[in-house]
């Protein structure tokens, strides 16, 4: 049966990384795909080949992510993201980590599981390097949240919450006796978050193209 690519796309589950739009108001408001929530004692991660969540590893220690955590669809951390990190930290020789752009979403609400989409407003982020790879962690608030929804800048978050986020990413891969592998080279606000998002979108287009072009090329075959 000859089925147009656009019709087939509507019948199938879109891949959370490649088949979901980041949203028409990006970078001010973005769609985020959640992989883990603060109650998860297992680290779930998207399987890039299938688009389903896979158990990456059980958490061996007591450190749990203090926020909702996932990534932005149709983003990629490569040359452009690495260049932003290198410029802000005064470094050379950085590369992107080859993953979609990570995001922490702050909310007062309890969301019991991942594998869902939320709308979030980026307010800042952590310029994080993992073994010389740019691995930025955006920080956002859930759109419409009664407690945090009006926050527009990272500096307006409670300092204790920001410190918990920093501590989590500095330690979540450490076993007792390990040498630190993660470095937070800086913290930026909303404007910096927007710049990183746009860089990650450029990296995605450069490496994967865009969905509309892909569908148009498929229809012509």
N, C-alpha and C. Protein backbone atom coordinates (compact mmCIF):
# COMPACT_ATOMS: atom_id res chain seq x y z
N UNK A 1 0.85 -1.20 0.00
CA UNK A 1 0.00 0.00 0.00
C UNK A 1 0.88 1.24 0.00
N UNK A 2 0.53 2.18 -0.86
CA UNK A 2 1.30 3.42 -0.96
C UNK A 2 0.71 4.43 0.01
N UNK A 3 1.39 4.65 1.14
CA UNK A 3 0.92 5.57 2.17
C UNK A 3 1.87 6.75 2.22
N UNK A 4 1.33 7.95 2.14
CA UNK A 4 2.18 9.13 2.20
C UNK A 4 2.90 9.19 3.54
N UNK A 5 4.12 9.72 3.50
CA UNK A 5 4.93 9.76 4.72
C UNK A 5 4.25 10.54 5.83
N UNK A 6 3.57 11.63 5.48
CA UNK A 6 2.91 12.43 6.52
C UNK A 6 1.76 11.67 7.17
N UNK A 7 1.03 10.86 6.38
CA UNK A 7 -0.05 10.06 6.94
C UNK A 7 0.49 8.96 7.84
N UNK A 8 1.56 8.31 7.38
CA UNK A 8 2.18 7.26 8.17
C UNK A 8 2.71 7.82 9.48
N UNK A 9 3.28 9.02 9.42
CA UNK A 9 3.82 9.64 10.62
C UNK A 9 2.73 9.83 11.67
N UNK A 10 1.51 10.20 11.24
CA UNK A 10 0.43 10.41 12.19
C UNK A 10 -0.08 9.11 12.80
N UNK A 11 0.14 7.99 12.12
CA UNK A 11 -0.34 6.71 12.61
C UNK A 11 0.60 6.09 13.63
N UNK A 12 1.86 6.47 13.59
CA UNK A 12 2.86 5.86 14.44
C UNK A 12 3.22 6.78 15.60
N UNK A 13 3.74 6.17 16.66
CA UNK A 13 4.22 6.97 17.79
C UNK A 13 5.46 7.75 17.36
N UNK A 14 5.45 9.09 17.46
CA UNK A 14 6.64 9.85 17.09
C UNK A 14 7.81 9.54 18.04
N UNK A 15 9.00 9.52 17.50
CA UNK A 15 10.19 9.38 18.33
C UNK A 15 10.33 10.63 19.19
N UNK A 16 10.47 10.50 20.52
CA UNK A 16 10.51 11.70 21.38
C UNK A 16 11.63 12.68 21.04
N UNK A 17 12.71 12.18 20.48
CA UNK A 17 13.83 13.07 20.14
C UNK A 17 13.63 13.70 18.76
N UNK A 18 13.27 12.88 17.77
CA UNK A 18 13.25 13.35 16.39
C UNK A 18 11.86 13.73 15.88
N UNK A 19 10.82 13.15 16.46
CA UNK A 19 9.49 13.32 15.91
C UNK A 19 8.60 14.29 16.63
N UNK A 20 9.10 14.89 17.72
CA UNK A 20 8.33 15.85 18.50
C UNK A 20 8.92 17.24 18.28
N UNK A 21 8.07 18.23 18.12
CA UNK A 21 8.54 19.61 17.92
C UNK A 21 8.92 20.24 19.27
N UNK A 22 9.92 21.10 19.24
CA UNK A 22 10.32 21.81 20.45
C UNK A 22 9.31 22.86 20.85
N UNK A 23 8.46 23.27 19.90
CA UNK A 23 7.40 24.22 20.20
C UNK A 23 7.57 25.54 19.47
N UNK A 24 6.46 26.17 19.07
CA UNK A 24 6.53 27.40 18.26
C UNK A 24 7.05 28.61 19.01
N UNK A 25 7.05 28.54 20.36
CA UNK A 25 7.51 29.70 21.14
C UNK A 25 8.94 29.54 21.65
N UNK A 26 9.64 28.51 21.20
CA UNK A 26 11.02 28.31 21.64
C UNK A 26 11.88 29.48 21.15
N UNK A 27 12.87 29.92 21.94
CA UNK A 27 13.34 29.33 23.19
C UNK A 27 12.66 29.82 24.46
N UNK A 28 11.68 30.76 24.33
CA UNK A 28 11.04 31.29 25.54
C UNK A 28 10.24 30.21 26.28
N UNK A 29 9.49 29.42 25.53
CA UNK A 29 8.75 28.29 26.09
C UNK A 29 9.07 27.08 25.23
N UNK A 30 9.42 25.97 25.86
CA UNK A 30 9.85 24.79 25.11
C UNK A 30 9.05 23.57 25.55
N UNK A 31 8.97 22.62 24.65
CA UNK A 31 8.45 21.30 25.00
C UNK A 31 9.61 20.44 25.47
N UNK A 32 9.46 19.84 26.63
CA UNK A 32 10.50 18.96 27.18
C UNK A 32 9.93 17.55 27.34
N UNK A 33 10.75 16.58 27.00
CA UNK A 33 10.39 15.17 27.22
C UNK A 33 11.05 14.73 28.52
N UNK A 34 10.25 14.22 29.45
CA UNK A 34 10.76 13.82 30.76
C UNK A 34 11.19 12.36 30.75
N UNK A 35 12.40 12.11 31.26
CA UNK A 35 12.91 10.75 31.41
C UNK A 35 12.80 10.26 32.85
N UNK A 36 13.12 11.12 33.80
CA UNK A 36 13.07 10.71 35.21
C UNK A 36 12.41 11.80 36.05
N UNK A 37 11.89 11.38 37.21
CA UNK A 37 11.27 12.28 38.17
C UNK A 37 11.99 12.10 39.51
N UNK A 38 11.79 13.04 40.45
CA UNK A 38 12.58 12.99 41.69
C UNK A 38 12.44 11.73 42.53
N UNK A 39 11.38 10.96 42.34
CA UNK A 39 11.19 9.74 43.14
C UNK A 39 11.84 8.51 42.50
N UNK A 40 12.39 8.65 41.32
CA UNK A 40 12.98 7.48 40.63
C UNK A 40 14.29 7.07 41.27
N UNK A 41 14.37 5.82 41.65
CA UNK A 41 15.63 5.25 42.15
C UNK A 41 16.35 4.48 41.06
N UNK A 42 15.81 4.55 39.84
CA UNK A 42 16.43 3.94 38.66
C UNK A 42 16.65 5.06 37.65
N UNK A 43 17.81 5.06 37.01
CA UNK A 43 18.09 6.06 35.97
C UNK A 43 17.55 5.54 34.65
N UNK A 44 16.50 6.20 34.16
CA UNK A 44 15.94 5.87 32.85
C UNK A 44 16.55 6.81 31.82
N UNK A 45 16.73 6.30 30.62
CA UNK A 45 17.28 7.11 29.54
C UNK A 45 16.65 6.67 28.22
N UNK A 46 16.41 7.64 27.35
CA UNK A 46 15.82 7.31 26.07
C UNK A 46 16.75 6.42 25.27
N UNK A 47 16.21 5.37 24.69
CA UNK A 47 16.98 4.54 23.77
C UNK A 47 16.90 5.20 22.39
N UNK A 48 18.04 5.64 21.88
CA UNK A 48 18.03 6.47 20.68
C UNK A 48 17.50 5.73 19.46
N UNK A 49 17.71 4.44 19.40
CA UNK A 49 17.27 3.70 18.21
C UNK A 49 15.76 3.51 18.16
N UNK A 50 15.12 3.32 19.32
CA UNK A 50 13.69 3.00 19.34
C UNK A 50 12.80 4.15 19.80
N UNK A 51 13.36 5.05 20.62
CA UNK A 51 12.55 6.12 21.19
C UNK A 51 11.84 5.73 22.46
N UNK A 52 12.07 4.53 22.98
CA UNK A 52 11.45 4.11 24.24
C UNK A 52 12.43 4.30 25.39
N UNK A 53 11.87 4.45 26.60
CA UNK A 53 12.71 4.55 27.78
C UNK A 53 13.31 3.19 28.10
N UNK A 54 14.58 3.21 28.44
CA UNK A 54 15.28 1.99 28.85
C UNK A 54 15.91 2.24 30.21
N UNK A 55 15.99 1.20 31.03
CA UNK A 55 16.70 1.32 32.30
C UNK A 55 18.19 1.44 31.99
N UNK A 56 18.75 2.61 32.31
CA UNK A 56 20.18 2.83 32.10
C UNK A 56 20.99 2.18 33.22
N UNK A 57 20.55 2.43 34.45
CA UNK A 57 21.23 1.81 35.60
C UNK A 57 20.40 2.06 36.86
N UNK A 58 20.40 1.13 37.78
CA UNK A 58 19.84 1.44 39.10
C UNK A 58 20.75 2.44 39.80
N UNK A 59 20.14 3.36 40.55
CA UNK A 59 20.95 4.31 41.32
C UNK A 59 21.55 3.57 42.51
N UNK A 60 22.89 3.52 42.56
CA UNK A 60 23.55 2.77 43.62
C UNK A 60 23.59 3.52 44.94
N UNK A 61 23.48 4.82 44.87
CA UNK A 61 23.64 5.63 46.07
C UNK A 61 22.39 6.47 46.30
N UNK A 62 22.39 7.30 47.34
CA UNK A 62 21.18 7.96 47.79
C UNK A 62 20.87 9.25 47.05
N UNK A 63 21.74 9.68 46.15
CA UNK A 63 21.53 10.94 45.44
C UNK A 63 20.45 10.77 44.37
N UNK A 64 19.36 11.53 44.50
CA UNK A 64 18.27 11.49 43.54
C UNK A 64 18.11 12.86 42.90
N UNK A 65 17.72 12.88 41.65
CA UNK A 65 17.56 14.15 40.95
C UNK A 65 16.49 14.99 41.65
N UNK A 66 16.79 16.24 42.00
CA UNK A 66 15.83 17.05 42.76
C UNK A 66 14.72 17.67 41.92
N UNK A 67 14.75 17.47 40.61
CA UNK A 67 13.73 18.05 39.73
C UNK A 67 13.29 17.02 38.70
N UNK A 68 12.26 17.36 37.95
CA UNK A 68 11.97 16.60 36.74
C UNK A 68 13.15 16.77 35.79
N UNK A 69 13.45 15.72 35.01
CA UNK A 69 14.67 15.77 34.19
C UNK A 69 14.42 15.05 32.87
N UNK A 70 14.85 15.69 31.80
CA UNK A 70 14.71 15.09 30.48
C UNK A 70 15.51 15.85 29.45
N UNK A 71 14.94 16.02 28.25
CA UNK A 71 15.68 16.69 27.19
C UNK A 71 14.73 17.44 26.27
N UNK A 72 15.31 18.28 25.42
CA UNK A 72 14.54 19.03 24.44
C UNK A 72 14.57 18.31 23.11
N UNK A 73 13.40 18.03 22.53
CA UNK A 73 13.35 17.38 21.22
C UNK A 73 14.04 18.22 20.15
N UNK A 74 14.58 17.53 19.16
CA UNK A 74 15.21 18.16 18.00
C UNK A 74 16.30 19.15 18.41
N UNK A 75 17.09 18.75 19.43
CA UNK A 75 18.31 19.47 19.79
C UNK A 75 19.44 18.46 19.83
N UNK A 76 20.67 18.97 19.76
CA UNK A 76 21.85 18.10 19.72
C UNK A 76 23.03 18.91 20.24
N UNK A 77 23.85 18.29 21.05
CA UNK A 77 25.02 18.97 21.60
C UNK A 77 26.25 18.58 20.80
N UNK A 78 26.67 19.47 19.92
CA UNK A 78 27.84 19.21 19.08
C UNK A 78 28.65 20.50 18.98
N UNK A 79 29.05 20.89 17.76
CA UNK A 79 30.00 21.98 17.59
C UNK A 79 29.50 23.32 18.12
N UNK A 80 28.25 23.68 17.81
CA UNK A 80 27.74 24.99 18.21
C UNK A 80 27.60 25.10 19.72
N UNK A 81 27.10 24.06 20.37
CA UNK A 81 26.97 24.07 21.83
C UNK A 81 28.34 24.11 22.48
N UNK A 82 29.29 23.33 21.94
CA UNK A 82 30.65 23.34 22.49
C UNK A 82 31.28 24.72 22.35
N UNK A 83 31.00 25.41 21.24
CA UNK A 83 31.56 26.74 21.03
C UNK A 83 31.02 27.74 22.05
N UNK A 84 29.73 27.63 22.38
CA UNK A 84 29.16 28.52 23.39
C UNK A 84 29.83 28.26 24.75
N UNK A 85 29.99 27.00 25.11
CA UNK A 85 30.64 26.67 26.38
C UNK A 85 32.09 27.10 26.42
N UNK A 86 32.79 26.90 25.31
CA UNK A 86 34.20 27.29 25.25
C UNK A 86 34.36 28.79 25.40
N UNK A 87 33.48 29.56 24.76
CA UNK A 87 33.57 31.02 24.84
C UNK A 87 33.28 31.52 26.25
N UNK A 88 32.28 30.93 26.90
CA UNK A 88 31.90 31.41 28.23
C UNK A 88 32.92 31.00 29.29
N UNK A 89 33.59 29.86 29.09
CA UNK A 89 34.54 29.37 30.08
C UNK A 89 35.99 29.65 29.73
N UNK A 90 36.22 30.22 28.53
CA UNK A 90 37.60 30.48 28.11
C UNK A 90 38.40 29.21 27.88
N UNK A 91 37.76 28.21 27.30
CA UNK A 91 38.41 26.92 27.07
C UNK A 91 38.61 26.68 25.57
N UNK A 92 39.46 25.73 25.26
CA UNK A 92 39.63 25.26 23.89
C UNK A 92 39.53 23.75 23.88
N UNK A 93 39.30 23.19 22.70
CA UNK A 93 39.29 21.74 22.55
C UNK A 93 38.05 21.05 23.05
N UNK A 94 36.97 21.79 23.30
CA UNK A 94 35.73 21.17 23.76
C UNK A 94 34.96 20.56 22.60
N UNK A 95 34.22 19.51 22.89
CA UNK A 95 33.27 18.93 21.94
C UNK A 95 31.95 18.75 22.66
N UNK A 96 30.87 18.61 21.89
CA UNK A 96 29.59 18.32 22.49
C UNK A 96 29.51 16.85 22.88
N UNK A 97 28.57 16.53 23.77
CA UNK A 97 28.49 15.15 24.26
C UNK A 97 27.71 14.22 23.33
N UNK A 98 27.16 14.76 22.22
CA UNK A 98 26.47 13.91 21.25
C UNK A 98 25.10 13.44 21.69
N UNK A 99 24.48 14.16 22.61
CA UNK A 99 23.14 13.83 23.09
C UNK A 99 22.22 15.04 22.89
N UNK A 100 20.91 14.85 22.99
CA UNK A 100 20.03 16.02 23.01
C UNK A 100 20.29 16.86 24.26
N UNK A 101 19.84 18.10 24.21
CA UNK A 101 20.10 19.05 25.29
C UNK A 101 19.26 18.71 26.52
N UNK A 102 19.93 18.56 27.66
CA UNK A 102 19.26 18.17 28.91
C UNK A 102 18.57 19.36 29.55
N UNK A 103 17.49 19.07 30.28
CA UNK A 103 16.76 20.12 30.97
C UNK A 103 16.20 19.61 32.29
N UNK A 104 16.31 20.45 33.32
CA UNK A 104 15.68 20.23 34.62
C UNK A 104 14.46 21.12 34.69
N UNK A 105 13.32 20.58 35.10
CA UNK A 105 12.09 21.36 35.17
C UNK A 105 11.62 21.40 36.62
N UNK A 106 11.53 22.61 37.15
CA UNK A 106 11.15 22.83 38.54
C UNK A 106 9.64 23.03 38.63
N UNK A 107 9.02 22.35 39.58
CA UNK A 107 7.58 22.49 39.80
C UNK A 107 7.26 22.14 41.25
N UNK A 108 6.15 22.70 41.75
CA UNK A 108 5.66 22.30 43.07
C UNK A 108 4.88 20.99 43.01
N UNK A 109 4.45 20.61 41.83
CA UNK A 109 3.59 19.45 41.68
C UNK A 109 4.39 18.14 41.67
N UNK A 110 3.71 17.07 42.09
CA UNK A 110 4.30 15.74 42.00
C UNK A 110 3.86 15.10 40.69
N UNK A 111 4.81 14.86 39.81
CA UNK A 111 4.54 14.14 38.57
C UNK A 111 5.13 12.75 38.76
N UNK A 112 4.31 11.70 38.74
CA UNK A 112 4.76 10.40 39.24
C UNK A 112 5.65 9.60 38.30
N UNK A 113 5.73 9.97 37.04
CA UNK A 113 6.51 9.14 36.11
C UNK A 113 7.02 9.98 34.95
N UNK A 114 8.00 9.44 34.26
CA UNK A 114 8.49 10.06 33.05
C UNK A 114 7.74 9.57 31.82
N UNK A 115 8.37 9.72 30.66
CA UNK A 115 7.77 9.37 29.37
C UNK A 115 6.55 10.23 29.07
N UNK A 116 6.64 11.51 29.43
CA UNK A 116 5.58 12.46 29.12
C UNK A 116 6.22 13.75 28.63
N UNK A 117 5.39 14.61 28.02
CA UNK A 117 5.83 15.91 27.54
C UNK A 117 5.27 17.00 28.45
N UNK A 118 6.08 18.03 28.70
CA UNK A 118 5.62 19.19 29.47
C UNK A 118 6.07 20.46 28.76
N UNK A 119 5.37 21.55 29.04
CA UNK A 119 5.78 22.87 28.58
C UNK A 119 6.54 23.56 29.70
N UNK A 120 7.69 24.13 29.38
CA UNK A 120 8.54 24.72 30.40
C UNK A 120 9.17 26.02 29.90
N UNK A 121 9.48 26.91 30.86
CA UNK A 121 10.13 28.18 30.55
C UNK A 121 11.58 28.13 31.04
N UNK A 122 12.56 28.09 30.14
CA UNK A 122 13.96 28.09 30.59
C UNK A 122 14.31 29.40 31.28
N UNK A 123 14.98 29.30 32.42
CA UNK A 123 15.39 30.49 33.18
C UNK A 123 16.89 30.55 33.40
N UNK A 124 17.62 29.56 32.95
CA UNK A 124 19.07 29.55 33.14
C UNK A 124 19.63 28.17 32.90
N UNK A 125 20.83 27.96 33.41
CA UNK A 125 21.43 26.64 33.22
C UNK A 125 22.83 26.56 33.79
N UNK A 126 23.35 25.36 33.77
CA UNK A 126 24.70 25.06 34.24
C UNK A 126 25.58 24.77 33.03
N UNK A 127 26.70 25.50 32.93
CA UNK A 127 27.71 25.19 31.91
C UNK A 127 28.55 24.05 32.47
N UNK A 128 28.22 22.84 32.07
CA UNK A 128 28.79 21.63 32.66
C UNK A 128 29.67 20.90 31.65
N UNK A 129 30.83 20.49 32.10
CA UNK A 129 31.74 19.70 31.27
C UNK A 129 31.94 18.33 31.91
N UNK A 130 31.80 17.30 31.11
CA UNK A 130 31.97 15.92 31.56
C UNK A 130 33.09 15.30 30.73
N UNK A 131 34.27 15.18 31.34
CA UNK A 131 35.44 14.65 30.62
C UNK A 131 35.71 15.42 29.33
N UNK A 132 35.63 16.74 29.41
CA UNK A 132 35.93 17.58 28.26
C UNK A 132 34.83 17.70 27.24
N UNK A 133 33.64 17.19 27.56
CA UNK A 133 32.50 17.30 26.65
C UNK A 133 31.47 18.28 27.22
N UNK A 134 30.97 19.16 26.37
CA UNK A 134 29.93 20.09 26.79
C UNK A 134 28.64 19.33 27.03
N UNK A 135 28.10 19.45 28.23
CA UNK A 135 26.90 18.70 28.63
C UNK A 135 26.01 19.62 29.47
N UNK A 136 25.60 20.74 28.87
CA UNK A 136 24.83 21.75 29.59
C UNK A 136 23.56 21.16 30.19
N UNK A 137 23.20 21.70 31.35
CA UNK A 137 21.96 21.33 32.02
C UNK A 137 21.10 22.58 32.13
N UNK A 138 20.10 22.70 31.27
CA UNK A 138 19.19 23.82 31.37
C UNK A 138 18.33 23.68 32.63
N UNK A 139 17.92 24.81 33.17
CA UNK A 139 17.00 24.82 34.30
C UNK A 139 15.79 25.64 33.88
N UNK A 140 14.60 25.07 34.07
CA UNK A 140 13.36 25.70 33.63
C UNK A 140 12.30 25.54 34.71
N UNK A 141 11.23 26.28 34.56
CA UNK A 141 10.07 26.12 35.45
C UNK A 141 8.90 25.62 34.62
N UNK A 142 8.08 24.81 35.23
CA UNK A 142 6.89 24.30 34.55
C UNK A 142 5.95 25.45 34.24
N UNK A 143 5.53 25.57 33.00
CA UNK A 143 4.65 26.67 32.63
C UNK A 143 3.32 26.55 33.39
N UNK A 144 2.90 27.67 33.98
CA UNK A 144 1.65 27.69 34.72
C UNK A 144 1.74 27.20 36.14
N UNK A 145 2.94 26.83 36.60
CA UNK A 145 3.08 26.34 37.97
C UNK A 145 2.71 27.43 38.97
N UNK A 146 1.91 27.07 39.98
CA UNK A 146 1.39 28.07 40.92
C UNK A 146 2.49 28.70 41.76
N UNK A 147 3.56 27.97 42.05
CA UNK A 147 4.63 28.48 42.90
C UNK A 147 5.78 29.04 42.08
N UNK A 148 6.22 28.30 41.06
CA UNK A 148 7.42 28.69 40.32
C UNK A 148 7.12 29.26 38.93
N UNK A 149 5.88 29.23 38.49
CA UNK A 149 5.57 29.60 37.11
C UNK A 149 5.90 31.04 36.75
N UNK A 150 5.92 31.95 37.74
CA UNK A 150 6.21 33.36 37.47
C UNK A 150 7.70 33.67 37.51
N UNK A 151 8.54 32.70 37.87
CA UNK A 151 9.99 32.92 37.93
C UNK A 151 10.52 33.07 36.50
N UNK A 152 11.30 34.12 36.28
CA UNK A 152 11.84 34.37 34.93
C UNK A 152 13.35 34.29 34.87
N UNK A 153 14.03 34.35 36.02
CA UNK A 153 15.48 34.30 36.04
C UNK A 153 15.97 33.29 37.08
N UNK A 154 17.08 32.67 36.79
CA UNK A 154 17.64 31.66 37.69
C UNK A 154 17.90 32.25 39.07
N UNK A 155 18.30 33.52 39.12
CA UNK A 155 18.61 34.16 40.40
C UNK A 155 17.39 34.27 41.31
N UNK A 156 16.18 34.09 40.75
CA UNK A 156 14.96 34.16 41.56
C UNK A 156 14.57 32.83 42.19
N UNK A 157 15.25 31.76 41.83
CA UNK A 157 14.99 30.48 42.48
C UNK A 157 15.53 30.49 43.90
N UNK A 158 14.93 29.74 44.80
CA UNK A 158 15.51 29.63 46.14
C UNK A 158 16.95 29.12 46.06
N UNK A 159 17.90 29.79 46.73
CA UNK A 159 19.31 29.37 46.63
C UNK A 159 19.53 27.92 47.02
N UNK A 160 18.79 27.44 47.99
CA UNK A 160 18.96 26.05 48.40
C UNK A 160 18.60 25.07 47.31
N UNK A 161 17.60 25.37 46.50
CA UNK A 161 17.20 24.49 45.41
C UNK A 161 18.28 24.47 44.33
N UNK A 162 18.81 25.64 43.99
CA UNK A 162 19.88 25.69 42.99
C UNK A 162 21.11 24.92 43.48
N UNK A 163 21.42 25.02 44.76
CA UNK A 163 22.57 24.30 45.29
C UNK A 163 22.33 22.79 45.23
N UNK A 164 21.11 22.34 45.47
CA UNK A 164 20.81 20.91 45.36
C UNK A 164 21.00 20.42 43.94
N UNK A 165 20.58 21.22 42.96
CA UNK A 165 20.76 20.85 41.56
C UNK A 165 22.25 20.76 41.23
N UNK A 166 23.02 21.76 41.64
CA UNK A 166 24.47 21.75 41.40
C UNK A 166 25.10 20.52 42.03
N UNK A 167 24.77 20.25 43.29
CA UNK A 167 25.38 19.13 44.00
C UNK A 167 25.03 17.81 43.33
N UNK A 168 23.80 17.68 42.87
CA UNK A 168 23.41 16.43 42.21
C UNK A 168 24.28 16.16 40.99
N UNK A 169 24.45 17.15 40.13
CA UNK A 169 25.20 16.90 38.91
C UNK A 169 26.71 16.77 39.15
N UNK A 170 27.20 17.34 40.22
CA UNK A 170 28.62 17.17 40.55
C UNK A 170 28.90 15.79 41.13
N UNK A 171 27.89 15.11 41.66
CA UNK A 171 28.15 13.88 42.40
C UNK A 171 27.42 12.65 41.88
N UNK A 172 26.47 12.80 40.95
CA UNK A 172 25.59 11.67 40.64
C UNK A 172 26.30 10.52 39.93
N UNK A 173 27.47 10.76 39.37
CA UNK A 173 28.21 9.69 38.72
C UNK A 173 29.37 9.18 39.56
N UNK A 174 29.52 9.73 40.77
CA UNK A 174 30.67 9.39 41.61
C UNK A 174 30.38 8.18 42.48
N UNK A 175 31.32 7.25 42.50
CA UNK A 175 31.33 6.19 43.50
C UNK A 175 32.38 6.57 44.55
N UNK A 176 32.27 6.01 45.75
CA UNK A 176 33.26 6.33 46.79
C UNK A 176 34.68 6.09 46.29
N UNK A 177 35.53 7.10 46.46
CA UNK A 177 36.93 6.99 46.04
C UNK A 177 37.21 7.42 44.62
N UNK A 178 36.16 7.70 43.83
CA UNK A 178 36.36 8.14 42.45
C UNK A 178 36.90 9.56 42.40
N UNK A 179 37.65 9.83 41.32
CA UNK A 179 38.06 11.20 41.03
C UNK A 179 36.90 11.91 40.34
N UNK A 180 36.66 13.19 40.66
CA UNK A 180 35.58 13.93 40.00
C UNK A 180 35.78 13.94 38.48
N UNK A 181 34.70 13.70 37.74
CA UNK A 181 34.74 13.74 36.29
C UNK A 181 33.91 14.86 35.71
N UNK A 182 33.07 15.46 36.55
CA UNK A 182 32.15 16.51 36.11
C UNK A 182 32.59 17.84 36.71
N UNK A 183 32.58 18.87 35.88
CA UNK A 183 32.93 20.22 36.32
C UNK A 183 31.83 21.19 35.89
N UNK A 184 31.40 22.02 36.81
CA UNK A 184 30.48 23.10 36.47
C UNK A 184 31.32 24.36 36.32
N UNK A 185 31.48 24.79 35.07
CA UNK A 185 32.37 25.92 34.77
C UNK A 185 31.68 27.26 34.91
N UNK A 186 30.37 27.26 35.02
CA UNK A 186 29.66 28.53 35.16
C UNK A 186 28.17 28.30 35.26
N UNK A 187 27.47 29.34 35.66
CA UNK A 187 26.01 29.33 35.77
C UNK A 187 25.51 30.54 34.99
N UNK A 188 24.50 30.35 34.16
CA UNK A 188 23.99 31.46 33.36
C UNK A 188 22.49 31.61 33.55
N UNK A 189 21.99 32.78 33.17
CA UNK A 189 20.58 33.10 33.31
C UNK A 189 19.78 32.81 32.06
N UNK A 190 18.62 33.45 31.97
CA UNK A 190 17.69 33.16 30.89
C UNK A 190 18.30 33.42 29.51
N UNK A 191 18.98 34.55 29.34
CA UNK A 191 19.58 34.86 28.04
C UNK A 191 20.59 33.80 27.63
N UNK A 192 21.38 33.35 28.58
CA UNK A 192 22.35 32.29 28.28
C UNK A 192 21.66 30.99 27.91
N UNK A 193 20.55 30.68 28.59
CA UNK A 193 19.80 29.46 28.26
C UNK A 193 19.26 29.53 26.84
N UNK A 194 18.73 30.69 26.46
CA UNK A 194 18.20 30.85 25.11
C UNK A 194 19.30 30.65 24.08
N UNK A 195 20.50 31.18 24.36
CA UNK A 195 21.62 31.03 23.42
C UNK A 195 22.02 29.56 23.26
N UNK A 196 22.04 28.82 24.36
CA UNK A 196 22.40 27.41 24.29
C UNK A 196 21.34 26.62 23.53
N UNK A 197 20.07 26.94 23.75
CA UNK A 197 18.99 26.26 23.02
C UNK A 197 19.13 26.48 21.52
N UNK A 198 19.36 27.72 21.11
CA UNK A 198 19.50 27.99 19.68
C UNK A 198 20.72 27.30 19.10
N UNK A 199 21.81 27.23 19.86
CA UNK A 199 23.00 26.51 19.40
C UNK A 199 22.69 25.03 19.23
N UNK A 200 21.94 24.46 20.18
CA UNK A 200 21.60 23.04 20.10
C UNK A 200 20.65 22.75 18.94
N UNK A 201 19.79 23.69 18.62
CA UNK A 201 18.91 23.52 17.46
C UNK A 201 19.72 23.58 16.16
N UNK A 202 20.71 24.47 16.11
CA UNK A 202 21.59 24.53 14.93
C UNK A 202 22.35 23.22 14.77
N UNK A 203 22.88 22.71 15.88
CA UNK A 203 23.61 21.44 15.82
C UNK A 203 22.70 20.32 15.31
N UNK A 204 21.46 20.33 15.76
CA UNK A 204 20.54 19.28 15.31
C UNK A 204 20.30 19.38 13.81
N UNK A 205 20.01 20.59 13.32
CA UNK A 205 19.78 20.75 11.88
C UNK A 205 21.01 20.37 11.07
N UNK A 206 22.19 20.72 11.56
CA UNK A 206 23.43 20.41 10.84
C UNK A 206 23.68 18.91 10.76
N UNK A 207 23.29 18.18 11.80
CA UNK A 207 23.60 16.75 11.85
C UNK A 207 22.45 15.86 11.39
N UNK A 208 21.21 16.32 11.54
CA UNK A 208 20.06 15.48 11.23
C UNK A 208 19.10 16.08 10.22
N UNK A 209 19.28 17.35 9.86
CA UNK A 209 18.29 18.01 9.02
C UNK A 209 17.08 18.40 9.85
N UNK A 210 15.96 18.72 9.19
CA UNK A 210 14.74 19.04 9.91
C UNK A 210 13.62 18.13 9.43
N UNK A 211 12.58 18.02 10.26
CA UNK A 211 11.53 17.04 10.02
C UNK A 211 10.78 17.32 8.72
N UNK A 212 10.44 18.57 8.45
CA UNK A 212 9.68 18.89 7.25
C UNK A 212 10.46 18.53 5.99
N UNK A 213 11.76 18.82 6.00
CA UNK A 213 12.58 18.47 4.83
C UNK A 213 12.64 16.96 4.66
N UNK A 214 12.79 16.23 5.77
CA UNK A 214 12.84 14.77 5.70
C UNK A 214 11.55 14.20 5.15
N UNK A 215 10.40 14.71 5.61
CA UNK A 215 9.12 14.22 5.10
C UNK A 215 8.97 14.55 3.63
N UNK A 216 9.38 15.75 3.22
CA UNK A 216 9.28 16.13 1.81
C UNK A 216 10.14 15.24 0.94
N UNK A 217 11.34 14.92 1.40
CA UNK A 217 12.22 14.04 0.63
C UNK A 217 11.64 12.63 0.55
N UNK A 218 11.00 12.17 1.64
CA UNK A 218 10.41 10.84 1.64
C UNK A 218 9.25 10.76 0.66
N UNK A 219 8.44 11.81 0.57
CA UNK A 219 7.31 11.80 -0.35
C UNK A 219 7.77 11.72 -1.80
N UNK A 220 8.95 12.27 -2.09
CA UNK A 220 9.42 12.32 -3.48
C UNK A 220 10.03 10.98 -3.93
N UNK A 221 10.27 10.09 -3.02
CA UNK A 221 10.90 8.82 -3.38
C UNK A 221 9.90 7.86 -4.00
